[in-house]
Amino acid sequence: MAKRSAVLLTKHVVDSACSDHDRYHIWDSELSGFGLRVSPTGVKTFIIKYRTDGGGRSATQRVLTIGHFGPITVEQARRVAKAKLGGVAAGADPAEALQSRRRDITMSGLIDLYEKEGCFIRRGRAQGKPIKATTKSPLLARLRNHVVPFPP
């Protein structure tokens, strides 16, 4: 059975949220649709939940991740949630906009993104160590020379 609770999300509330054997949500009592998802591993993620096309029971329900607690504070997440939910009220669909941007990325753009944000050796779920420069340079060269298609 899923836990349901609505309280004013503060740093104290988020800090005191403990992991459980099931994933659960704590919803904000002040901003409808803004909440905190707590995973069984203890990862705390700020989310918004909304319905597309003006709402209603028949509208598609979407969940959009704002960010993990730690790199982003409760106040920062609340500001982002207000902006996104305000756009939803005006008819926007932020999750669809994000998905379309991801679909539009080119292979060379993906390699550039990998060079900028990726290039880590991962073990398990944790972010690993950066790849050494002696490994990174030939890896990126192979990707650019063999994966990216030649211009017409």
N, C-alpha and C. Protein backbone atom coordinates (compact mmCIF):
# COMPACT_ATOMS: atom_id res chain seq x y z
N MET A 1 0.84 -1.18 0.00
CA MET A 1 0.00 0.00 0.00
C MET A 1 0.88 1.23 0.00
N ALA A 2 0.61 2.18 -0.90
CA ALA A 2 1.43 3.38 -1.02
C ALA A 2 1.06 4.38 0.06
N LYS A 3 2.09 5.03 0.58
CA LYS A 3 1.86 6.08 1.56
C LYS A 3 1.44 7.35 0.84
N ARG A 4 0.50 8.09 1.40
CA ARG A 4 0.11 9.38 0.85
C ARG A 4 0.11 10.39 1.98
N SER A 5 0.84 11.45 1.79
CA SER A 5 0.85 12.49 2.79
C SER A 5 1.03 13.83 2.10
N ALA A 6 0.50 14.87 2.72
CA ALA A 6 0.65 16.22 2.20
C ALA A 6 1.03 17.13 3.35
N VAL A 7 2.22 17.69 3.27
CA VAL A 7 2.73 18.63 4.26
C VAL A 7 3.46 19.73 3.51
N LEU A 8 3.75 20.81 4.20
CA LEU A 8 4.55 21.86 3.59
C LEU A 8 5.99 21.34 3.48
N LEU A 9 6.47 21.19 2.25
CA LEU A 9 7.83 20.68 2.05
C LEU A 9 8.84 21.73 2.48
N THR A 10 9.64 21.36 3.45
CA THR A 10 10.73 22.20 3.94
C THR A 10 11.99 21.34 3.98
N LYS A 11 13.12 21.99 4.24
CA LYS A 11 14.38 21.25 4.34
C LYS A 11 14.31 20.22 5.45
N HIS A 12 13.69 20.58 6.55
CA HIS A 12 13.56 19.65 7.69
C HIS A 12 12.74 18.42 7.30
N VAL A 13 11.63 18.63 6.58
CA VAL A 13 10.78 17.51 6.17
C VAL A 13 11.53 16.60 5.21
N VAL A 14 12.24 17.20 4.25
CA VAL A 14 12.98 16.40 3.26
C VAL A 14 14.12 15.65 3.94
N ASP A 15 14.83 16.30 4.85
CA ASP A 15 15.92 15.63 5.57
C ASP A 15 15.41 14.46 6.40
N SER A 16 14.22 14.60 6.98
CA SER A 16 13.70 13.55 7.85
C SER A 16 12.99 12.43 7.10
N ALA A 17 12.79 12.57 5.79
CA ALA A 17 12.17 11.50 5.01
C ALA A 17 13.11 10.31 4.92
N CYS A 18 12.65 9.17 5.35
CA CYS A 18 13.48 7.96 5.39
C CYS A 18 13.09 7.02 4.26
N SER A 19 14.06 6.23 3.80
CA SER A 19 13.76 5.25 2.77
C SER A 19 12.91 4.13 3.37
N ASP A 20 12.13 3.50 2.50
CA ASP A 20 11.23 2.42 2.89
C ASP A 20 11.46 1.29 1.89
N HIS A 21 10.81 0.16 2.09
CA HIS A 21 10.98 -0.93 1.12
C HIS A 21 10.23 -0.63 -0.18
N ASP A 22 9.31 0.35 -0.17
CA ASP A 22 8.61 0.79 -1.37
C ASP A 22 8.90 2.26 -1.63
N ARG A 23 8.81 2.66 -2.89
CA ARG A 23 8.94 4.07 -3.24
C ARG A 23 7.67 4.78 -2.79
N TYR A 24 7.82 5.99 -2.25
CA TYR A 24 6.64 6.74 -1.84
C TYR A 24 6.84 8.23 -2.14
N HIS A 25 5.73 8.98 -2.06
CA HIS A 25 5.74 10.40 -2.37
C HIS A 25 5.25 11.20 -1.17
N ILE A 26 5.82 12.37 -0.99
CA ILE A 26 5.33 13.34 -0.03
C ILE A 26 4.92 14.56 -0.85
N TRP A 27 3.65 14.90 -0.83
CA TRP A 27 3.13 15.99 -1.64
C TRP A 27 3.09 17.27 -0.83
N ASP A 28 3.36 18.38 -1.50
CA ASP A 28 3.37 19.68 -0.85
C ASP A 28 1.94 20.15 -0.64
N SER A 29 1.66 20.67 0.55
CA SER A 29 0.31 21.13 0.86
C SER A 29 0.06 22.54 0.31
N GLU A 30 1.12 23.26 -0.03
CA GLU A 30 0.98 24.63 -0.51
C GLU A 30 0.86 24.72 -2.03
N LEU A 31 1.63 23.92 -2.76
CA LEU A 31 1.66 23.95 -4.22
C LEU A 31 1.18 22.61 -4.76
N SER A 32 -0.02 22.59 -5.28
CA SER A 32 -0.61 21.35 -5.79
C SER A 32 0.19 20.81 -6.96
N GLY A 33 0.54 19.53 -6.90
CA GLY A 33 1.30 18.88 -7.97
C GLY A 33 2.78 18.82 -7.72
N PHE A 34 3.27 19.49 -6.69
CA PHE A 34 4.70 19.51 -6.35
C PHE A 34 4.94 18.51 -5.24
N GLY A 35 5.97 17.68 -5.39
CA GLY A 35 6.21 16.67 -4.37
C GLY A 35 7.64 16.17 -4.33
N LEU A 36 7.85 15.28 -3.40
CA LEU A 36 9.14 14.64 -3.21
C LEU A 36 8.94 13.14 -3.35
N ARG A 37 9.74 12.50 -4.21
CA ARG A 37 9.70 11.05 -4.37
C ARG A 37 10.89 10.48 -3.61
N VAL A 38 10.63 9.53 -2.72
CA VAL A 38 11.68 8.89 -1.94
C VAL A 38 11.76 7.43 -2.39
N SER A 39 12.92 7.04 -2.89
CA SER A 39 13.09 5.68 -3.40
C SER A 39 13.55 4.75 -2.29
N PRO A 40 13.45 3.45 -2.49
CA PRO A 40 13.92 2.49 -1.49
C PRO A 40 15.42 2.62 -1.19
N THR A 41 16.19 3.15 -2.13
CA THR A 41 17.62 3.33 -1.91
C THR A 41 17.93 4.61 -1.14
N GLY A 42 16.91 5.43 -0.90
CA GLY A 42 17.09 6.67 -0.15
C GLY A 42 17.27 7.91 -1.01
N VAL A 43 17.22 7.77 -2.32
CA VAL A 43 17.37 8.92 -3.21
C VAL A 43 16.09 9.75 -3.12
N LYS A 44 16.25 11.07 -2.93
CA LYS A 44 15.12 11.98 -2.79
C LYS A 44 15.09 12.89 -4.01
N THR A 45 13.98 12.84 -4.74
CA THR A 45 13.85 13.56 -6.00
C THR A 45 12.62 14.44 -5.97
N PHE A 46 12.78 15.71 -6.37
CA PHE A 46 11.65 16.62 -6.48
C PHE A 46 10.96 16.38 -7.81
N ILE A 47 9.64 16.33 -7.79
CA ILE A 47 8.86 16.05 -9.00
C ILE A 47 7.66 16.99 -9.07
N ILE A 48 7.09 17.10 -10.27
CA ILE A 48 5.77 17.69 -10.43
C ILE A 48 4.90 16.67 -11.14
N LYS A 49 3.63 16.68 -10.81
CA LYS A 49 2.66 15.77 -11.42
C LYS A 49 1.51 16.62 -11.94
N TYR A 50 1.14 16.42 -13.19
CA TYR A 50 0.08 17.23 -13.79
C TYR A 50 -0.62 16.43 -14.88
N ARG A 51 -1.71 16.99 -15.35
CA ARG A 51 -2.45 16.40 -16.47
C ARG A 51 -2.38 17.33 -17.67
N THR A 52 -2.25 16.75 -18.85
CA THR A 52 -2.12 17.53 -20.08
C THR A 52 -3.50 17.98 -20.57
N ASP A 53 -3.50 18.81 -21.58
CA ASP A 53 -4.71 19.26 -22.27
C ASP A 53 -5.75 19.84 -21.33
N GLY A 54 -5.32 20.67 -20.40
CA GLY A 54 -6.26 21.34 -19.52
C GLY A 54 -6.77 20.51 -18.36
N GLY A 55 -6.29 19.32 -18.18
CA GLY A 55 -6.68 18.49 -17.04
C GLY A 55 -7.89 17.63 -17.32
N GLY A 56 -8.52 17.16 -16.28
CA GLY A 56 -9.65 16.25 -16.42
C GLY A 56 -9.20 14.81 -16.29
N ARG A 57 -10.12 13.95 -15.94
CA ARG A 57 -9.76 12.55 -15.71
C ARG A 57 -9.29 11.82 -16.95
N SER A 58 -9.76 12.24 -18.12
CA SER A 58 -9.37 11.56 -19.34
C SER A 58 -8.04 12.06 -19.90
N ALA A 59 -7.50 13.14 -19.36
CA ALA A 59 -6.23 13.69 -19.84
C ALA A 59 -5.06 12.82 -19.36
N THR A 60 -4.01 12.81 -20.14
CA THR A 60 -2.82 12.05 -19.80
C THR A 60 -2.14 12.65 -18.58
N GLN A 61 -1.78 11.79 -17.64
CA GLN A 61 -1.09 12.24 -16.44
C GLN A 61 0.41 12.13 -16.65
N ARG A 62 1.13 13.18 -16.32
CA ARG A 62 2.58 13.20 -16.51
C ARG A 62 3.29 13.49 -15.19
N VAL A 63 4.48 12.93 -15.06
CA VAL A 63 5.35 13.21 -13.93
C VAL A 63 6.67 13.70 -14.50
N LEU A 64 7.12 14.85 -14.03
CA LEU A 64 8.36 15.44 -14.52
C LEU A 64 9.32 15.61 -13.35
N THR A 65 10.54 15.15 -13.52
CA THR A 65 11.56 15.27 -12.48
C THR A 65 12.16 16.66 -12.53
N ILE A 66 12.25 17.29 -11.37
CA ILE A 66 12.88 18.61 -11.27
C ILE A 66 14.35 18.44 -10.94
N GLY A 67 14.67 17.58 -9.97
CA GLY A 67 16.06 17.35 -9.60
C GLY A 67 16.17 16.62 -8.29
N HIS A 68 17.36 16.17 -7.98
CA HIS A 68 17.63 15.45 -6.74
C HIS A 68 17.89 16.44 -5.61
N PHE A 69 17.43 16.07 -4.42
CA PHE A 69 17.71 16.87 -3.24
C PHE A 69 19.20 16.77 -2.93
N GLY A 70 19.79 17.89 -2.65
CA GLY A 70 21.23 17.99 -2.42
C GLY A 70 21.79 18.98 -3.40
N PRO A 71 21.88 18.61 -4.69
CA PRO A 71 22.30 19.60 -5.67
C PRO A 71 21.27 20.74 -5.81
N ILE A 72 20.02 20.45 -5.51
CA ILE A 72 18.97 21.46 -5.61
C ILE A 72 18.27 21.54 -4.25
N THR A 73 18.00 22.76 -3.80
CA THR A 73 17.35 22.95 -2.50
C THR A 73 15.84 22.91 -2.66
N VAL A 74 15.14 22.86 -1.54
CA VAL A 74 13.68 22.85 -1.57
C VAL A 74 13.15 24.14 -2.18
N GLU A 75 13.75 25.28 -1.84
CA GLU A 75 13.29 26.57 -2.36
C GLU A 75 13.51 26.66 -3.87
N GLN A 76 14.66 26.18 -4.36
CA GLN A 76 14.92 26.19 -5.79
C GLN A 76 13.94 25.28 -6.53
N ALA A 77 13.68 24.11 -5.97
CA ALA A 77 12.74 23.18 -6.59
C ALA A 77 11.33 23.77 -6.62
N ARG A 78 10.93 24.46 -5.55
CA ARG A 78 9.61 25.07 -5.51
C ARG A 78 9.47 26.15 -6.59
N ARG A 79 10.53 26.96 -6.78
CA ARG A 79 10.48 28.00 -7.82
C ARG A 79 10.34 27.38 -9.21
N VAL A 80 11.12 26.33 -9.47
CA VAL A 80 11.03 25.64 -10.78
C VAL A 80 9.65 25.03 -10.94
N ALA A 81 9.12 24.41 -9.89
CA ALA A 81 7.80 23.78 -9.96
C ALA A 81 6.71 24.82 -10.24
N LYS A 82 6.79 25.98 -9.59
CA LYS A 82 5.80 27.04 -9.84
C LYS A 82 5.84 27.48 -11.30
N ALA A 83 7.05 27.64 -11.84
CA ALA A 83 7.18 28.06 -13.23
C ALA A 83 6.62 27.00 -14.18
N LYS A 84 6.98 25.73 -13.95
CA LYS A 84 6.51 24.65 -14.83
C LYS A 84 4.99 24.46 -14.72
N LEU A 85 4.47 24.48 -13.50
CA LEU A 85 3.02 24.30 -13.32
C LEU A 85 2.25 25.51 -13.84
N GLY A 86 2.86 26.70 -13.78
CA GLY A 86 2.24 27.88 -14.39
C GLY A 86 2.14 27.72 -15.90
N GLY A 87 3.18 27.17 -16.50
CA GLY A 87 3.14 26.88 -17.94
C GLY A 87 2.09 25.85 -18.28
N VAL A 88 1.93 24.85 -17.41
CA VAL A 88 0.90 23.82 -17.63
C VAL A 88 -0.49 24.47 -17.60
N ALA A 89 -0.70 25.40 -16.67
CA ALA A 89 -1.99 26.08 -16.58
C ALA A 89 -2.27 26.91 -17.83
N ALA A 90 -1.20 27.38 -18.49
CA ALA A 90 -1.34 28.15 -19.72
C ALA A 90 -1.44 27.26 -20.96
N GLY A 91 -1.36 25.93 -20.77
CA GLY A 91 -1.52 25.00 -21.89
C GLY A 91 -0.25 24.33 -22.35
N ALA A 92 0.87 24.58 -21.72
CA ALA A 92 2.13 23.96 -22.11
C ALA A 92 2.24 22.56 -21.54
N ASP A 93 3.11 21.75 -22.14
CA ASP A 93 3.40 20.41 -21.64
C ASP A 93 4.91 20.28 -21.53
N PRO A 94 5.49 20.58 -20.35
CA PRO A 94 6.95 20.56 -20.23
C PRO A 94 7.58 19.20 -20.47
N ALA A 95 6.91 18.12 -20.13
CA ALA A 95 7.48 16.79 -20.36
C ALA A 95 7.55 16.50 -21.86
N GLU A 96 6.54 16.89 -22.61
CA GLU A 96 6.55 16.68 -24.06
C GLU A 96 7.63 17.53 -24.71
N ALA A 97 7.81 18.76 -24.24
CA ALA A 97 8.85 19.63 -24.78
C ALA A 97 10.23 19.01 -24.54
N LEU A 98 10.45 18.45 -23.37
CA LEU A 98 11.71 17.79 -23.06
C LEU A 98 11.93 16.56 -23.94
N GLN A 99 10.88 15.76 -24.13
CA GLN A 99 11.00 14.57 -24.98
C GLN A 99 11.29 14.95 -26.43
N SER A 100 10.67 16.00 -26.94
CA SER A 100 10.92 16.40 -28.32
C SER A 100 12.35 16.92 -28.50
N ARG A 101 12.88 17.63 -27.49
CA ARG A 101 14.27 18.07 -27.57
C ARG A 101 15.21 16.88 -27.58
N ARG A 102 14.90 15.85 -26.80
CA ARG A 102 15.75 14.65 -26.78
C ARG A 102 15.69 13.91 -28.10
N ARG A 103 14.52 13.89 -28.73
CA ARG A 103 14.40 13.21 -30.02
C ARG A 103 15.13 13.96 -31.12
N ASP A 104 15.27 15.27 -30.98
CA ASP A 104 15.88 16.09 -32.03
C ASP A 104 17.41 16.11 -31.99
N ILE A 105 18.02 15.54 -30.98
CA ILE A 105 19.47 15.60 -30.87
C ILE A 105 20.11 14.74 -31.97
N THR A 106 21.16 15.27 -32.57
CA THR A 106 21.87 14.55 -33.63
C THR A 106 22.96 13.68 -33.01
N MET A 107 23.53 12.82 -33.81
CA MET A 107 24.58 11.95 -33.31
C MET A 107 25.80 12.76 -32.89
N SER A 108 26.18 13.77 -33.66
CA SER A 108 27.34 14.58 -33.26
C SER A 108 27.01 15.38 -32.01
N GLY A 109 25.78 15.82 -31.87
CA GLY A 109 25.37 16.51 -30.65
C GLY A 109 25.41 15.58 -29.45
N LEU A 110 25.04 14.33 -29.67
CA LEU A 110 25.10 13.34 -28.60
C LEU A 110 26.54 13.05 -28.17
N ILE A 111 27.44 12.99 -29.13
CA ILE A 111 28.86 12.78 -28.80
C ILE A 111 29.40 13.99 -28.04
N ASP A 112 29.02 15.20 -28.46
CA ASP A 112 29.45 16.40 -27.74
C ASP A 112 28.90 16.41 -26.31
N LEU A 113 27.66 15.98 -26.16
CA LEU A 113 27.06 15.90 -24.82
C LEU A 113 27.78 14.86 -23.97
N TYR A 114 28.15 13.74 -24.58
CA TYR A 114 28.90 12.71 -23.87
C TYR A 114 30.26 13.24 -23.43
N GLU A 115 30.91 14.00 -24.31
CA GLU A 115 32.22 14.57 -23.96
C GLU A 115 32.08 15.57 -22.82
N LYS A 116 31.03 16.36 -22.84
CA LYS A 116 30.85 17.40 -21.83
C LYS A 116 30.39 16.83 -20.49
N GLU A 117 29.39 15.94 -20.50
CA GLU A 117 28.77 15.48 -19.25
C GLU A 117 29.05 14.02 -18.92
N GLY A 118 29.44 13.25 -19.89
CA GLY A 118 29.66 11.83 -19.66
C GLY A 118 31.12 11.53 -19.41
N CYS A 119 31.64 10.59 -20.17
CA CYS A 119 33.03 10.18 -20.06
C CYS A 119 33.41 9.78 -18.64
N PHE A 120 32.56 8.97 -18.03
CA PHE A 120 32.84 8.45 -16.71
C PHE A 120 32.84 6.93 -16.77
N ILE A 121 33.68 6.32 -15.98
CA ILE A 121 33.67 4.88 -15.83
C ILE A 121 32.70 4.59 -14.70
N ARG A 122 31.65 3.86 -14.96
CA ARG A 122 30.64 3.60 -13.94
C ARG A 122 30.75 2.17 -13.46
N ARG A 123 30.59 2.02 -12.18
CA ARG A 123 30.53 0.71 -11.57
C ARG A 123 29.26 0.68 -10.74
N GLY A 124 28.33 -0.17 -11.08
CA GLY A 124 27.06 -0.23 -10.35
C GLY A 124 26.23 1.00 -10.65
N ARG A 125 25.57 1.54 -9.64
CA ARG A 125 24.70 2.69 -9.82
C ARG A 125 25.43 4.02 -9.61
N ALA A 126 26.59 4.00 -8.98
CA ALA A 126 27.26 5.23 -8.61
C ALA A 126 27.98 5.85 -9.81
N GLN A 127 28.07 7.17 -9.79
CA GLN A 127 28.85 7.89 -10.79
C GLN A 127 30.31 7.56 -10.52
N GLY A 128 31.04 7.20 -11.55
CA GLY A 128 32.40 6.73 -11.35
C GLY A 128 33.44 7.80 -11.54
N LYS A 129 34.65 7.35 -11.85
CA LYS A 129 35.78 8.24 -12.04
C LYS A 129 35.79 8.72 -13.49
N PRO A 130 36.32 9.95 -13.72
CA PRO A 130 36.44 10.42 -15.10
C PRO A 130 37.41 9.54 -15.88
N ILE A 131 37.16 9.40 -17.17
CA ILE A 131 38.07 8.65 -18.04
C ILE A 131 39.35 9.45 -18.19
N LYS A 132 40.48 8.76 -18.19
CA LYS A 132 41.78 9.43 -18.34
C LYS A 132 41.87 10.06 -19.73
N ALA A 133 42.64 11.13 -19.84
CA ALA A 133 42.79 11.84 -21.11
C ALA A 133 43.36 10.94 -22.20
N THR A 134 44.24 10.00 -21.82
CA THR A 134 44.85 9.10 -22.81
C THR A 134 43.83 8.12 -23.37
N THR A 135 42.74 7.89 -22.64
CA THR A 135 41.68 7.02 -23.12
C THR A 135 40.58 7.83 -23.80
N LYS A 136 40.29 8.99 -23.24
CA LYS A 136 39.20 9.83 -23.71
C LYS A 136 39.42 10.33 -25.14
N SER A 137 40.62 10.79 -25.43
CA SER A 137 40.91 11.36 -26.74
C SER A 137 40.69 10.35 -27.88
N PRO A 138 41.26 9.15 -27.82
CA PRO A 138 41.02 8.19 -28.90
C PRO A 138 39.56 7.71 -28.96
N LEU A 139 38.92 7.62 -27.80
CA LEU A 139 37.52 7.19 -27.77
C LEU A 139 36.64 8.19 -28.52
N LEU A 140 36.80 9.48 -28.22
CA LEU A 140 36.01 10.50 -28.90
C LEU A 140 36.37 10.58 -30.38
N ALA A 141 37.64 10.38 -30.72
CA ALA A 141 38.04 10.40 -32.13
C ALA A 141 37.38 9.25 -32.89
N ARG A 142 37.34 8.06 -32.28
CA ARG A 142 36.68 6.92 -32.93
C ARG A 142 35.19 7.20 -33.13
N LEU A 143 34.56 7.75 -32.10
CA LEU A 143 33.13 8.06 -32.23
C LEU A 143 32.89 9.06 -33.35
N ARG A 144 33.69 10.12 -33.39
CA ARG A 144 33.48 11.16 -34.41
C ARG A 144 33.82 10.66 -35.82
N ASN A 145 34.81 9.78 -35.94
CA ASN A 145 35.24 9.33 -37.27
C ASN A 145 34.44 8.15 -37.80
N HIS A 146 33.86 7.33 -36.90
CA HIS A 146 33.22 6.11 -37.37
C HIS A 146 31.69 6.10 -37.14
N VAL A 147 31.21 6.92 -36.24
CA VAL A 147 29.78 6.90 -35.95
C VAL A 147 29.05 8.06 -36.62
N VAL A 148 29.64 9.25 -36.61
CA VAL A 148 28.98 10.42 -37.20
C VAL A 148 29.03 10.28 -38.72
N PRO A 149 27.88 10.37 -39.39
CA PRO A 149 27.88 10.24 -40.85
C PRO A 149 28.54 11.45 -41.52
N PHE A 150 29.11 11.19 -42.71
CA PHE A 150 29.72 12.27 -43.47
C PHE A 150 28.62 13.19 -44.00
N PRO A 151 28.90 14.49 -44.08
CA PRO A 151 27.89 15.39 -44.67
C PRO A 151 27.69 15.08 -46.15
N PRO A 152 26.50 15.27 -46.67
CA PRO A 152 26.24 14.94 -48.08
C PRO A 152 26.96 15.83 -49.04
